[in-house]
Amino acid sequence: MKEALVLIAKAPLEGMVKTRLAGVLSPTETTELYVNFLSDTFAIMSSVWRERETVSLVLCYSPEGEEESFEAVEREGSLMLAQRGNDFGERLFNCFKDLLESGFDSVVLIGSDSPTLPEEYVFEAFENLKDDNDVVFGPSEDGGYYLIAMRVLHQELFKEIPWSTSEVMEATVKQAEKARLNLIKLPVWYDVDTPEDFEKLKQELASDREKARFTRKYLKKLEKERKMKV
């Protein structure tokens, strides 16, 4: 059994990531925050990897040629795979396609916007795939999903989807139901995209001192520099 745990992410290039936080953070700060999000997400993935010997960690990144931009990210032993495709749906599909065709028996893919994602949700995704379910989703509060997992390619899940809208999850579920796929939904979690999400993250970190140590350390640094409340 070979399992892939994949982080799909943009390269941390200034002005290209976390742009909706521009009202509360500078371009440099948003990029630095994003790097720490990536490091915290890899910490979650590494925790899963240490407990599941069948798991390999993969960074599926864009754009191709920006491998060096991830050097600031704390990640251990991960493979790197360049994204391919003209839109987000094609890139997601090709990530699954490349990994399943290379010999992985199951693929769990997570996004880069949830640095406090409970690791048990990732474990649940792998276990649900073992129970002969076709696809596992982790719905996000904004109408998208923070996780998608499959054992077999289902291209229809990435077609006719209004990407970057609040209708992504609903449209994807409709495609799954139309194809008569057995699907499982994990608990809802949240992405950090907007200033409101950013405030929610800070409140969560204030109430749970164990989560997202890289992001926490960075926010404390910002607090000192800008007297921001964390």
C-alpha atoms as a PDB file:
ATOM      1  CA  MET A   1       0.000   0.000   0.000  1.00  0.00           C
ATOM      2  CA  LYS A   2       1.375   3.370  -1.071  1.00  0.00           C
ATOM      3  CA  GLU A   3      -0.392   6.522   0.062  1.00  0.00           C
ATOM      4  CA  ALA A   4       0.325  10.118  -0.974  1.00  0.00           C
ATOM      5  CA  LEU A   5      -0.414  13.089   1.256  1.00  0.00           C
ATOM      6  CA  VAL A   6      -0.243  16.148  -0.950  1.00  0.00           C
ATOM      7  CA  LEU A   7      -0.071  19.870  -0.277  1.00  0.00           C
ATOM      8  CA  ILE A   8      -1.188  21.863  -3.300  1.00  0.00           C
ATOM      9  CA  ALA A   9       0.295  25.343  -3.118  1.00  0.00           C
ATOM     10  CA  LYS A  10       1.368  28.433  -4.980  1.00  0.00           C
ATOM     11  CA  ALA A  11       4.971  29.523  -4.712  1.00  0.00           C
ATOM     12  CA  PRO A  12       5.381  32.144  -1.951  1.00  0.00           C
ATOM     13  CA  LEU A  13       6.005  35.075  -4.292  1.00  0.00           C
ATOM     14  CA  GLU A  14       5.270  38.600  -3.123  1.00  0.00           C
ATOM     15  CA  GLY A  15       2.055  39.985  -4.549  1.00  0.00           C
ATOM     16  CA  MET A  16       0.861  36.544  -5.664  1.00  0.00           C
ATOM     17  CA  VAL A  17      -0.407  35.000  -2.409  1.00  0.00           C
ATOM     18  CA  LYS A  18      -2.949  35.979   0.258  1.00  0.00           C
ATOM     19  CA  THR A  19      -3.865  39.098  -1.723  1.00  0.00           C
ATOM     20  CA  ARG A  20      -7.214  39.501   0.074  1.00  0.00           C
ATOM     21  CA  LEU A  21      -5.317  40.267   3.279  1.00  0.00           C
ATOM     22  CA  ALA A  22      -3.892  43.403   1.677  1.00  0.00           C
ATOM     23  CA  GLY A  23      -6.059  45.604   3.886  1.00  0.00           C
ATOM     24  CA  VAL A  24      -4.429  44.372   7.094  1.00  0.00           C
ATOM     25  CA  LEU A  25      -0.959  43.258   6.008  1.00  0.00           C
ATOM     26  CA  SER A  26       1.660  44.563   3.601  1.00  0.00           C
ATOM     27  CA  PRO A  27       2.633  42.479   0.538  1.00  0.00           C
ATOM     28  CA  THR A  28       5.815  41.388   2.319  1.00  0.00           C
ATOM     29  CA  GLU A  29       3.891  40.446   5.460  1.00  0.00           C
ATOM     30  CA  THR A  30       1.269  38.456   3.558  1.00  0.00           C
ATOM     31  CA  THR A  31       4.019  36.503   1.818  1.00  0.00           C
ATOM     32  CA  GLU A  32       5.815  35.822   5.093  1.00  0.00           C
ATOM     33  CA  LEU A  33       2.538  34.770   6.699  1.00  0.00           C
ATOM     34  CA  TYR A  34       1.902  32.390   3.808  1.00  0.00           C
ATOM     35  CA  VAL A  35       5.343  30.805   4.221  1.00  0.00           C
ATOM     36  CA  ASN A  36       4.443  30.097   7.838  1.00  0.00           C
ATOM     37  CA  PHE A  37       1.075  28.669   6.783  1.00  0.00           C
ATOM     38  CA  LEU A  38       2.987  26.271   4.525  1.00  0.00           C
ATOM     39  CA  SER A  39       5.364  25.313   7.328  1.00  0.00           C
ATOM     40  CA  ASP A  40       2.476  24.634   9.706  1.00  0.00           C
ATOM     41  CA  THR A  41       0.652  22.587   7.090  1.00  0.00           C
ATOM     42  CA  PHE A  42       3.780  20.516   6.540  1.00  0.00           C
ATOM     43  CA  ALA A  43       4.003  20.023  10.306  1.00  0.00           C
ATOM     44  CA  ILE A  44       0.498  18.536  10.216  1.00  0.00           C
ATOM     45  CA  MET A  45       1.463  16.349   7.266  1.00  0.00           C
ATOM     46  CA  SER A  46       4.687  15.234   8.942  1.00  0.00           C
ATOM     47  CA  SER A  47       2.758  14.176  12.020  1.00  0.00           C
ATOM     48  CA  VAL A  48       0.590  11.947   9.834  1.00  0.00           C
ATOM     49  CA  TRP A  49       3.662  10.650   7.990  1.00  0.00           C
ATOM     50  CA  ARG A  50       5.372   9.650  11.229  1.00  0.00           C
ATOM     51  CA  GLU A  51       2.365   7.545  12.247  1.00  0.00           C
ATOM     52  CA  ARG A  52       1.574   6.011   8.833  1.00  0.00           C
ATOM     53  CA  GLU A  53       4.618   4.296   7.349  1.00  0.00           C
ATOM     54  CA  THR A  54       2.793   3.883   4.023  1.00  0.00           C
ATOM     55  CA  VAL A  55       2.515   7.655   3.486  1.00  0.00           C
ATOM     56  CA  SER A  56       4.746   9.798   1.275  1.00  0.00           C
ATOM     57  CA  LEU A  57       4.605  13.596   1.444  1.00  0.00           C
ATOM     58  CA  VAL A  58       4.275  15.564  -1.782  1.00  0.00           C
ATOM     59  CA  LEU A  59       4.345  19.287  -2.561  1.00  0.00           C
ATOM     60  CA  CYS A  60       2.367  19.944  -5.749  1.00  0.00           C
ATOM     61  CA  TYR A  61       3.371  23.489  -6.627  1.00  0.00           C
ATOM     62  CA  SER A  62       2.976  26.251  -9.174  1.00  0.00           C
ATOM     63  CA  PRO A  63       4.368  27.856 -11.164  1.00  0.00           C
ATOM     64  CA  GLU A  64       6.903  25.414 -12.515  1.00  0.00           C
ATOM     65  CA  GLY A  65      10.465  26.656 -12.091  1.00  0.00           C
ATOM     66  CA  GLU A  66       9.872  28.243  -8.669  1.00  0.00           C
ATOM     67  CA  GLU A  67      11.180  25.352  -6.590  1.00  0.00           C
ATOM     68  CA  GLU A  68      13.746  27.545  -4.838  1.00  0.00           C
ATOM     69  CA  SER A  69      11.052  29.869  -3.499  1.00  0.00           C
ATOM     70  CA  PHE A  70      10.004  27.086  -1.114  1.00  0.00           C
ATOM     71  CA  GLU A  71      13.413  26.960   0.582  1.00  0.00           C
ATOM     72  CA  ALA A  72      12.111  29.093   3.465  1.00  0.00           C
ATOM     73  CA  VAL A  73       9.364  26.550   4.163  1.00  0.00           C
ATOM     74  CA  GLU A  74      10.005  24.029   6.931  1.00  0.00           C
ATOM     75  CA  ARG A  75       9.264  20.706   5.249  1.00  0.00           C
ATOM     76  CA  GLU A  76      10.848  17.324   5.736  1.00  0.00           C
ATOM     77  CA  GLY A  77      11.346  14.630   3.144  1.00  0.00           C
ATOM     78  CA  SER A  78       8.700  15.777   0.682  1.00  0.00           C
ATOM     79  CA  LEU A  79       8.671  15.043  -3.029  1.00  0.00           C
ATOM     80  CA  MET A  80       8.053  17.957  -5.399  1.00  0.00           C
ATOM     81  CA  LEU A  81       5.613  17.806  -8.294  1.00  0.00           C
ATOM     82  CA  ALA A  82       4.902  20.730 -10.617  1.00  0.00           C
ATOM     83  CA  GLN A  83       1.251  21.492 -11.312  1.00  0.00           C
ATOM     84  CA  ARG A  84       0.029  21.095 -14.889  1.00  0.00           C
ATOM     85  CA  GLY A  85      -3.066  22.603 -16.481  1.00  0.00           C
ATOM     86  CA  ASN A  86      -4.761  25.770 -17.675  1.00  0.00           C
ATOM     87  CA  ASP A  87      -7.109  26.216 -14.722  1.00  0.00           C
ATOM     88  CA  PHE A  88      -7.340  25.060 -11.130  1.00  0.00           C
ATOM     89  CA  GLY A  89      -9.546  22.102 -12.001  1.00  0.00           C
ATOM     90  CA  GLU A  90      -7.057  20.800 -14.552  1.00  0.00           C
ATOM     91  CA  ARG A  91      -4.193  21.262 -12.113  1.00  0.00           C
ATOM     92  CA  LEU A  92      -6.003  19.350  -9.368  1.00  0.00           C
ATOM     93  CA  PHE A  93      -6.943  16.545 -11.740  1.00  0.00           C
ATOM     94  CA  ASN A  94      -3.416  16.242 -13.133  1.00  0.00           C
ATOM     95  CA  CYS A  95      -1.958  16.107  -9.642  1.00  0.00           C
ATOM     96  CA  PHE A  96      -4.145  13.097  -8.842  1.00  0.00           C
ATOM     97  CA  LYS A  97      -3.467  11.592 -12.272  1.00  0.00           C
ATOM     98  CA  ASP A  98       0.312  11.901 -12.015  1.00  0.00           C
ATOM     99  CA  LEU A  99       0.452  10.366  -8.543  1.00  0.00           C
ATOM    100  CA  LEU A 100      -2.015   7.534  -9.099  1.00  0.00           C
ATOM    101  CA  GLU A 101      -0.344   6.602 -12.387  1.00  0.00           C
ATOM    102  CA  SER A 102       3.059   6.624 -10.693  1.00  0.00           C
ATOM    103  CA  GLY A 103       1.955   3.832  -8.368  1.00  0.00           C
ATOM    104  CA  PHE A 104       0.202   5.393  -5.389  1.00  0.00           C
ATOM    105  CA  ASP A 105      -2.894   3.511  -4.253  1.00  0.00           C
ATOM    106  CA  SER A 106      -4.598   6.521  -2.693  1.00  0.00           C
ATOM    107  CA  VAL A 107      -4.091  10.275  -2.671  1.00  0.00           C
ATOM    108  CA  VAL A 108      -5.201  12.768  -0.025  1.00  0.00           C
ATOM    109  CA  LEU A 109      -4.769  16.372  -1.120  1.00  0.00           C
ATOM    110  CA  ILE A 110      -5.030  19.392   1.168  1.00  0.00           C
ATOM    111  CA  GLY A 111      -4.815  23.124   0.581  1.00  0.00           C
ATOM    112  CA  SER A 112      -2.461  25.727   2.012  1.00  0.00           C
ATOM    113  CA  ASP A 113      -5.026  27.991   3.682  1.00  0.00           C
ATOM    114  CA  SER A 114      -5.746  26.058   6.900  1.00  0.00           C
ATOM    115  CA  PRO A 115      -2.684  26.104   9.169  1.00  0.00           C
ATOM    116  CA  THR A 116      -4.686  24.872  12.183  1.00  0.00           C
ATOM    117  CA  LEU A 117      -6.403  21.978  10.415  1.00  0.00           C
ATOM    118  CA  PRO A 118      -6.862  19.093  12.895  1.00  0.00           C
ATOM    119  CA  GLU A 119      -4.585  16.259  11.812  1.00  0.00           C
ATOM    120  CA  GLU A 120      -7.252  13.711  12.735  1.00  0.00           C
ATOM    121  CA  TYR A 121      -9.244  14.882   9.708  1.00  0.00           C
ATOM    122  CA  VAL A 122      -6.364  13.752   7.486  1.00  0.00           C
ATOM    123  CA  PHE A 123      -6.224  10.366   9.219  1.00  0.00           C
ATOM    124  CA  GLU A 124      -9.991  10.056   8.726  1.00  0.00           C
ATOM    125  CA  ALA A 125      -9.608  10.717   5.001  1.00  0.00           C
ATOM    126  CA  PHE A 126      -7.150   7.845   4.581  1.00  0.00           C
ATOM    127  CA  GLU A 127      -9.300   5.495   6.662  1.00  0.00           C
ATOM    128  CA  ASN A 128     -12.447   6.378   4.725  1.00  0.00           C
ATOM    129  CA  LEU A 129     -10.703   5.539   1.457  1.00  0.00           C
ATOM    130  CA  LYS A 130      -9.875   2.099   2.859  1.00  0.00           C
ATOM    131  CA  ASP A 131     -13.611   1.540   3.376  1.00  0.00           C
ATOM    132  CA  ASP A 132     -14.233   1.520  -0.405  1.00  0.00           C
ATOM    133  CA  ASN A 133     -15.559   5.061  -0.594  1.00  0.00           C
ATOM    134  CA  ASP A 134     -14.865   6.743  -3.933  1.00  0.00           C
ATOM    135  CA  VAL A 135     -14.111  10.251  -2.745  1.00  0.00           C
ATOM    136  CA  VAL A 136     -13.639  12.062   0.557  1.00  0.00           C
ATOM    137  CA  PHE A 137     -14.199  15.807   0.923  1.00  0.00           C
ATOM    138  CA  GLY A 138     -13.275  18.232   3.660  1.00  0.00           C
ATOM    139  CA  PRO A 139     -15.762  21.103   3.236  1.00  0.00           C
ATOM    140  CA  SER A 140     -14.621  24.607   4.118  1.00  0.00           C
ATOM    141  CA  GLU A 141     -16.803  27.322   5.607  1.00  0.00           C
ATOM    142  CA  ASP A 142     -16.490  29.491   2.499  1.00  0.00           C
ATOM    143  CA  GLY A 143     -18.156  26.915   0.240  1.00  0.00           C
ATOM    144  CA  GLY A 144     -15.004  25.292  -1.100  1.00  0.00           C
ATOM    145  CA  TYR A 145     -13.079  22.345   0.276  1.00  0.00           C
ATOM    146  CA  TYR A 146      -9.840  22.065   2.224  1.00  0.00           C
ATOM    147  CA  LEU A 147      -9.327  18.376   1.382  1.00  0.00           C
ATOM    148  CA  ILE A 148     -10.170  15.958  -1.396  1.00  0.00           C
ATOM    149  CA  ALA A 149      -9.120  12.312  -1.500  1.00  0.00           C
ATOM    150  CA  MET A 150      -9.493   9.508  -4.056  1.00  0.00           C
ATOM    151  CA  ARG A 151      -8.221   6.026  -4.919  1.00  0.00           C
ATOM    152  CA  VAL A 152      -9.347   6.145  -8.562  1.00  0.00           C
ATOM    153  CA  LEU A 153      -9.420   9.076 -10.973  1.00  0.00           C
ATOM    154  CA  HIS A 154     -12.798  10.756 -11.372  1.00  0.00           C
ATOM    155  CA  GLN A 155     -12.290  13.546 -13.874  1.00  0.00           C
ATOM    156  CA  GLU A 156     -15.920  14.654 -13.675  1.00  0.00           C
ATOM    157  CA  LEU A 157     -15.248  16.078 -10.207  1.00  0.00           C
ATOM    158  CA  PHE A 158     -13.105  18.791 -11.773  1.00  0.00           C
ATOM    159  CA  LYS A 159     -15.332  19.722 -14.712  1.00  0.00           C
ATOM    160  CA  GLU A 160     -17.976  22.474 -14.810  1.00  0.00           C
ATOM    161  CA  ILE A 161     -16.960  23.740 -11.368  1.00  0.00           C
ATOM    162  CA  PRO A 162     -17.128  27.506 -10.643  1.00  0.00           C
ATOM    163  CA  TRP A 163     -13.655  27.709  -9.099  1.00  0.00           C
ATOM    164  CA  SER A 164     -12.882  30.471  -6.595  1.00  0.00           C
ATOM    165  CA  THR A 165     -16.548  30.885  -5.671  1.00  0.00           C
ATOM    166  CA  SER A 166     -18.729  29.816  -2.753  1.00  0.00           C
ATOM    167  CA  GLU A 167     -20.363  27.212  -5.011  1.00  0.00           C
ATOM    168  CA  VAL A 168     -17.345  24.911  -5.430  1.00  0.00           C
ATOM    169  CA  MET A 169     -18.320  22.281  -2.866  1.00  0.00           C
ATOM    170  CA  GLU A 170     -21.974  22.195  -3.882  1.00  0.00           C
ATOM    171  CA  ALA A 171     -21.141  21.860  -7.578  1.00  0.00           C
ATOM    172  CA  THR A 172     -18.555  19.152  -6.917  1.00  0.00           C
ATOM    173  CA  VAL A 173     -20.970  17.118  -4.796  1.00  0.00           C
ATOM    174  CA  LYS A 174     -23.548  17.345  -7.598  1.00  0.00           C
ATOM    175  CA  GLN A 175     -20.975  15.968 -10.030  1.00  0.00           C
ATOM    176  CA  ALA A 176     -20.165  13.136  -7.625  1.00  0.00           C
ATOM    177  CA  GLU A 177     -23.832  12.280  -7.172  1.00  0.00           C
ATOM    178  CA  LYS A 178     -24.427  12.387 -10.928  1.00  0.00           C
ATOM    179  CA  ALA A 179     -21.588   9.873 -11.353  1.00  0.00           C
ATOM    180  CA  ARG A 180     -23.083   7.718  -8.547  1.00  0.00           C
ATOM    181  CA  LEU A 181     -19.925   7.927  -6.468  1.00  0.00           C
ATOM    182  CA  ASN A 182     -19.855   6.995  -2.809  1.00  0.00           C
ATOM    183  CA  LEU A 183     -18.735  10.145  -1.028  1.00  0.00           C
ATOM    184  CA  ILE A 184     -17.838  10.994   2.540  1.00  0.00           C
ATOM    185  CA  LYS A 185     -17.726  14.462   4.074  1.00  0.00           C
ATOM    186  CA  LEU A 186     -15.338  15.285   6.893  1.00  0.00           C
ATOM    187  CA  PRO A 187     -16.136  17.999   9.466  1.00  0.00           C
ATOM    188  CA  VAL A 188     -16.243  21.563   8.169  1.00  0.00           C
ATOM    189  CA  TRP A 189     -13.116  23.696   8.726  1.00  0.00           C
ATOM    190  CA  TYR A 190     -12.087  27.173   7.658  1.00  0.00           C
ATOM    191  CA  ASP A 191      -9.634  28.716   5.213  1.00  0.00           C
ATOM    192  CA  VAL A 192      -7.750  31.902   6.021  1.00  0.00           C
ATOM    193  CA  ASP A 193      -8.318  34.170   3.030  1.00  0.00           C
ATOM    194  CA  THR A 194      -9.991  37.357   4.255  1.00  0.00           C
ATOM    195  CA  PRO A 195      -9.404  39.819   7.114  1.00  0.00           C
ATOM    196  CA  GLU A 196     -12.340  38.178   8.922  1.00  0.00           C
ATOM    197  CA  ASP A 197     -10.693  34.767   8.571  1.00  0.00           C
ATOM    198  CA  PHE A 198      -7.441  36.261   9.828  1.00  0.00           C
ATOM    199  CA  GLU A 199      -9.180  37.505  12.978  1.00  0.00           C
ATOM    200  CA  LYS A 200     -10.711  34.073  13.507  1.00  0.00           C
ATOM    201  CA  LEU A 201      -7.250  32.507  13.214  1.00  0.00           C
ATOM    202  CA  LYS A 202      -5.819  34.879  15.809  1.00  0.00           C
ATOM    203  CA  GLN A 203      -8.679  34.089  18.183  1.00  0.00           C
ATOM    204  CA  GLU A 204      -8.131  30.356  17.737  1.00  0.00           C
ATOM    205  CA  LEU A 205      -4.411  30.675  18.422  1.00  0.00           C
ATOM    206  CA  ALA A 206      -5.149  32.743  21.525  1.00  0.00           C
ATOM    207  CA  SER A 207      -7.320  29.934  22.900  1.00  0.00           C
ATOM    208  CA  ASP A 208      -5.094  27.019  21.839  1.00  0.00           C
ATOM    209  CA  ARG A 209      -1.386  27.492  22.467  1.00  0.00           C
ATOM    210  CA  GLU A 210      -0.398  24.210  20.816  1.00  0.00           C
ATOM    211  CA  LYS A 211      -1.526  24.902  17.265  1.00  0.00           C
ATOM    212  CA  ALA A 212       0.354  26.371  14.296  1.00  0.00           C
ATOM    213  CA  ARG A 213       3.669  27.123  16.007  1.00  0.00           C
ATOM    214  CA  PHE A 214       5.234  28.752  12.940  1.00  0.00           C
ATOM    215  CA  THR A 215       2.276  31.051  12.318  1.00  0.00           C
ATOM    216  CA  ARG A 216       2.005  31.808  16.035  1.00  0.00           C
ATOM    217  CA  LYS A 217       5.666  32.809  16.229  1.00  0.00           C
ATOM    218  CA  TYR A 218       5.312  35.026  13.175  1.00  0.00           C
ATOM    219  CA  LEU A 219       2.196  36.756  14.512  1.00  0.00           C
ATOM    220  CA  LYS A 220       3.955  37.448  17.794  1.00  0.00           C
ATOM    221  CA  LYS A 221       6.755  39.037  15.786  1.00  0.00           C
ATOM    222  CA  LEU A 222       4.198  41.185  13.963  1.00  0.00           C
ATOM    223  CA  GLU A 223       2.576  42.110  17.250  1.00  0.00           C
ATOM    224  CA  LYS A 224       5.845  43.445  18.559  1.00  0.00           C
ATOM    225  CA  GLU A 225       6.547  45.311  15.350  1.00  0.00           C
ATOM    226  CA  ARG A 226       3.081  46.717  14.794  1.00  0.00           C
ATOM    227  CA  LYS A 227       1.462  46.336  18.223  1.00  0.00           C
ATOM    228  CA  MET A 228      -1.120  44.026  16.700  1.00  0.00           C
ATOM    229  CA  LYS A 229      -3.298  42.002  19.062  1.00  0.00           C
ATOM    230  CA  VAL A 230      -2.856  38.253  18.657  1.00  0.00           C
END
